[in-house]
C-alpha cells in the first residue's frame, strides 16, 4: 500500500467522524469540518507540487 492510499483512507475516516450526526456533537460547530478542510487543502497542495 502506498502512502497516498493510506492518506486517502485516513481522510475518508476523518470526514465520516467530523459529520455532526450524533446528538453530543451538535455543539461542536464548524471546528471538526474546518480541520478536515484544512487537511484536505494541504493534501491537495502536496499532490499538485509532486511531493506526495
N, C-alpha and C. Protein backbone atom coordinates (compact mmCIF):
# COMPACT_ATOMS: atom_id res chain seq x y z
N UNK A 1 0.83 -1.17 0.00
CA UNK A 1 0.00 0.00 0.00
C UNK A 1 0.88 1.24 0.00
N UNK A 2 0.55 2.19 -0.83
CA UNK A 2 1.37 3.40 -0.89
C UNK A 2 0.86 4.41 0.13
N UNK A 3 1.67 5.44 0.35
CA UNK A 3 1.34 6.45 1.35
C UNK A 3 0.11 7.25 0.93
N UNK A 4 -0.08 7.47 -0.37
CA UNK A 4 -1.25 8.23 -0.81
C UNK A 4 -2.54 7.44 -0.58
N UNK A 5 -2.49 6.12 -0.71
CA UNK A 5 -3.67 5.30 -0.44
C UNK A 5 -4.02 5.35 1.04
N UNK A 6 -3.01 5.29 1.88
CA UNK A 6 -3.25 5.38 3.32
C UNK A 6 -3.81 6.74 3.71
N UNK A 7 -3.29 7.81 3.11
CA UNK A 7 -3.80 9.14 3.41
C UNK A 7 -5.24 9.30 2.93
N UNK A 8 -5.58 8.72 1.81
CA UNK A 8 -6.95 8.79 1.30
C UNK A 8 -7.91 8.06 2.24
N UNK A 9 -7.53 6.90 2.71
CA UNK A 9 -8.37 6.14 3.64
C UNK A 9 -8.52 6.92 4.95
N UNK A 10 -7.45 7.49 5.44
CA UNK A 10 -7.50 8.28 6.66
C UNK A 10 -8.38 9.51 6.50
N UNK A 11 -8.30 10.17 5.36
CA UNK A 11 -9.12 11.34 5.10
C UNK A 11 -10.60 10.99 5.06
N UNK A 12 -10.94 9.87 4.46
CA UNK A 12 -12.33 9.43 4.41
C UNK A 12 -12.85 9.13 5.81
N UNK A 13 -12.04 8.48 6.63
CA UNK A 13 -12.45 8.19 8.01
C UNK A 13 -12.64 9.47 8.82
N UNK A 14 -11.77 10.45 8.62
CA UNK A 14 -11.90 11.71 9.34
C UNK A 14 -13.14 12.47 8.88
N UNK A 15 -13.45 12.41 7.58
CA UNK A 15 -14.67 13.06 7.08
C UNK A 15 -15.91 12.44 7.69
N UNK A 16 -15.93 11.14 7.81
CA UNK A 16 -17.08 10.47 8.44
C UNK A 16 -17.17 10.85 9.92
N UNK A 17 -16.04 10.92 10.59
CA UNK A 17 -16.04 11.27 12.00
C UNK A 17 -16.40 12.72 12.27
N UNK A 18 -16.17 13.62 11.31
CA UNK A 18 -16.48 15.03 11.50
C UNK A 18 -17.93 15.36 11.20
N UNK A 19 -18.67 14.43 10.64
CA UNK A 19 -20.06 14.67 10.30
C UNK A 19 -20.89 14.75 11.59
N UNK A 20 -21.55 15.88 11.84
CA UNK A 20 -22.26 16.06 13.13
C UNK A 20 -23.62 15.37 13.15
N UNK A 21 -23.63 14.07 13.15
CA UNK A 21 -24.88 13.32 13.12
C UNK A 21 -25.33 12.84 14.49
N UNK A 22 -24.47 12.94 15.48
CA UNK A 22 -24.79 12.42 16.80
C UNK A 22 -25.21 13.56 17.71
N UNK A 23 -26.10 13.33 18.64
CA UNK A 23 -26.61 14.42 19.49
C UNK A 23 -25.53 15.16 20.28
N UNK A 24 -24.52 14.46 20.76
CA UNK A 24 -23.50 15.12 21.57
C UNK A 24 -22.58 16.02 20.75
N UNK A 25 -22.59 15.89 19.42
CA UNK A 25 -21.68 16.68 18.59
C UNK A 25 -22.34 17.92 18.00
N UNK A 26 -23.56 18.24 18.38
CA UNK A 26 -24.23 19.41 17.82
C UNK A 26 -23.60 20.71 18.28
N UNK A 27 -23.01 20.74 19.45
CA UNK A 27 -22.43 21.98 19.97
C UNK A 27 -21.00 22.21 19.48
N UNK A 28 -20.46 21.31 18.69
CA UNK A 28 -19.08 21.46 18.21
C UNK A 28 -18.92 22.58 17.19
N UNK A 29 -19.97 22.87 16.46
CA UNK A 29 -19.91 23.92 15.44
C UNK A 29 -19.12 23.47 14.22
N UNK A 30 -18.34 24.40 13.66
CA UNK A 30 -17.60 24.11 12.42
C UNK A 30 -16.19 23.61 12.66
N UNK A 31 -15.80 23.40 13.91
CA UNK A 31 -14.41 23.03 14.20
C UNK A 31 -13.98 21.72 13.54
N UNK A 32 -14.72 20.62 13.64
CA UNK A 32 -14.26 19.37 13.01
C UNK A 32 -14.17 19.48 11.49
N UNK A 33 -15.20 20.05 10.86
CA UNK A 33 -15.17 20.13 9.40
C UNK A 33 -14.15 21.15 8.92
N UNK A 34 -13.89 22.18 9.71
CA UNK A 34 -12.85 23.15 9.35
C UNK A 34 -11.47 22.53 9.37
N UNK A 35 -11.23 21.67 10.37
CA UNK A 35 -9.95 20.96 10.43
C UNK A 35 -9.77 20.00 9.29
N UNK A 36 -10.85 19.32 8.92
CA UNK A 36 -10.80 18.39 7.79
C UNK A 36 -10.56 19.16 6.50
N UNK A 37 -11.19 20.31 6.36
CA UNK A 37 -10.96 21.14 5.17
C UNK A 37 -9.52 21.61 5.06
N UNK A 38 -8.94 21.98 6.19
CA UNK A 38 -7.54 22.39 6.20
C UNK A 38 -6.63 21.23 5.80
N UNK A 39 -6.89 20.04 6.33
CA UNK A 39 -6.10 18.87 5.94
C UNK A 39 -6.26 18.56 4.45
N UNK A 40 -7.47 18.72 3.94
CA UNK A 40 -7.72 18.46 2.53
C UNK A 40 -6.96 19.46 1.65
N UNK A 41 -6.94 20.72 2.03
CA UNK A 41 -6.20 21.73 1.26
C UNK A 41 -4.70 21.42 1.27
N UNK A 42 -4.16 21.06 2.42
CA UNK A 42 -2.74 20.71 2.50
C UNK A 42 -2.43 19.50 1.64
N UNK A 43 -3.31 18.50 1.66
CA UNK A 43 -3.11 17.30 0.86
C UNK A 43 -3.15 17.61 -0.64
N UNK A 44 -4.07 18.46 -1.06
CA UNK A 44 -4.15 18.84 -2.47
C UNK A 44 -2.91 19.60 -2.90
N UNK A 45 -2.43 20.50 -2.06
CA UNK A 45 -1.21 21.25 -2.39
C UNK A 45 -0.01 20.31 -2.51
N UNK A 46 0.10 19.33 -1.62
CA UNK A 46 1.21 18.37 -1.70
C UNK A 46 1.13 17.53 -2.97
N UNK A 47 -0.07 17.15 -3.36
CA UNK A 47 -0.23 16.36 -4.59
C UNK A 47 0.12 17.19 -5.81
N UNK A 48 -0.33 18.45 -5.85
CA UNK A 48 -0.06 19.29 -7.00
C UNK A 48 1.41 19.67 -7.13
N UNK A 49 2.11 19.79 -6.03
CA UNK A 49 3.53 20.13 -6.10
C UNK A 49 4.41 18.89 -6.33
N UNK A 50 3.81 17.72 -6.27
CA UNK A 50 4.55 16.49 -6.55
C UNK A 50 5.33 15.94 -5.36
N UNK A 51 5.06 16.40 -4.19
CA UNK A 51 5.77 15.92 -3.01
C UNK A 51 5.11 14.71 -2.38
N UNK A 52 3.98 14.29 -2.91
CA UNK A 52 3.29 13.15 -2.37
C UNK A 52 3.00 12.16 -3.48
